[in-house]
Amino acid sequence: MTGLEFTVEVQHNRIPDILRKLPREIDRQVEHVAHMGVELAQSIVRVDTGALRASITSRRITDGYTIGSDLDYAAPQEYGTRHMTGRPYLRPAAEYMAQQFDRLELDLLS
């Protein structure tokens, strides 16, 4: 053979270790985004007694996280009624979470 040739030997193949740890790291990052979504919703929700703010939680579902509140007046605060204009707090948080999930996906694929 003519020309020049280099051989690179892998002394310590860490790829199996990286692949084993990757799902845990992804779960950790996704959980962090969900927590940040809850904090965002809690920071923008209208507060009278603090009960609605305290009731905002996230929970893991099959393909991600859901964010919400189980209080009866959570939906009227978000969407409004015929007597009151809505004051969205969950939708902005969910949009933020979606953007962060997209960013996380791009970071993992690049």
Foldseek 3Di string as FASTA:
>chain_A
DDDDDDDDDDPDDCVVVCVVCVVVVVVVQLVVLQVVLLVQLLVQQDDDPCPQNVQWHWDDDDPGIAIDGPDPCRVCCQCNDPVGHHRHRNVVSVVSSVVSVVVVVVVVVD
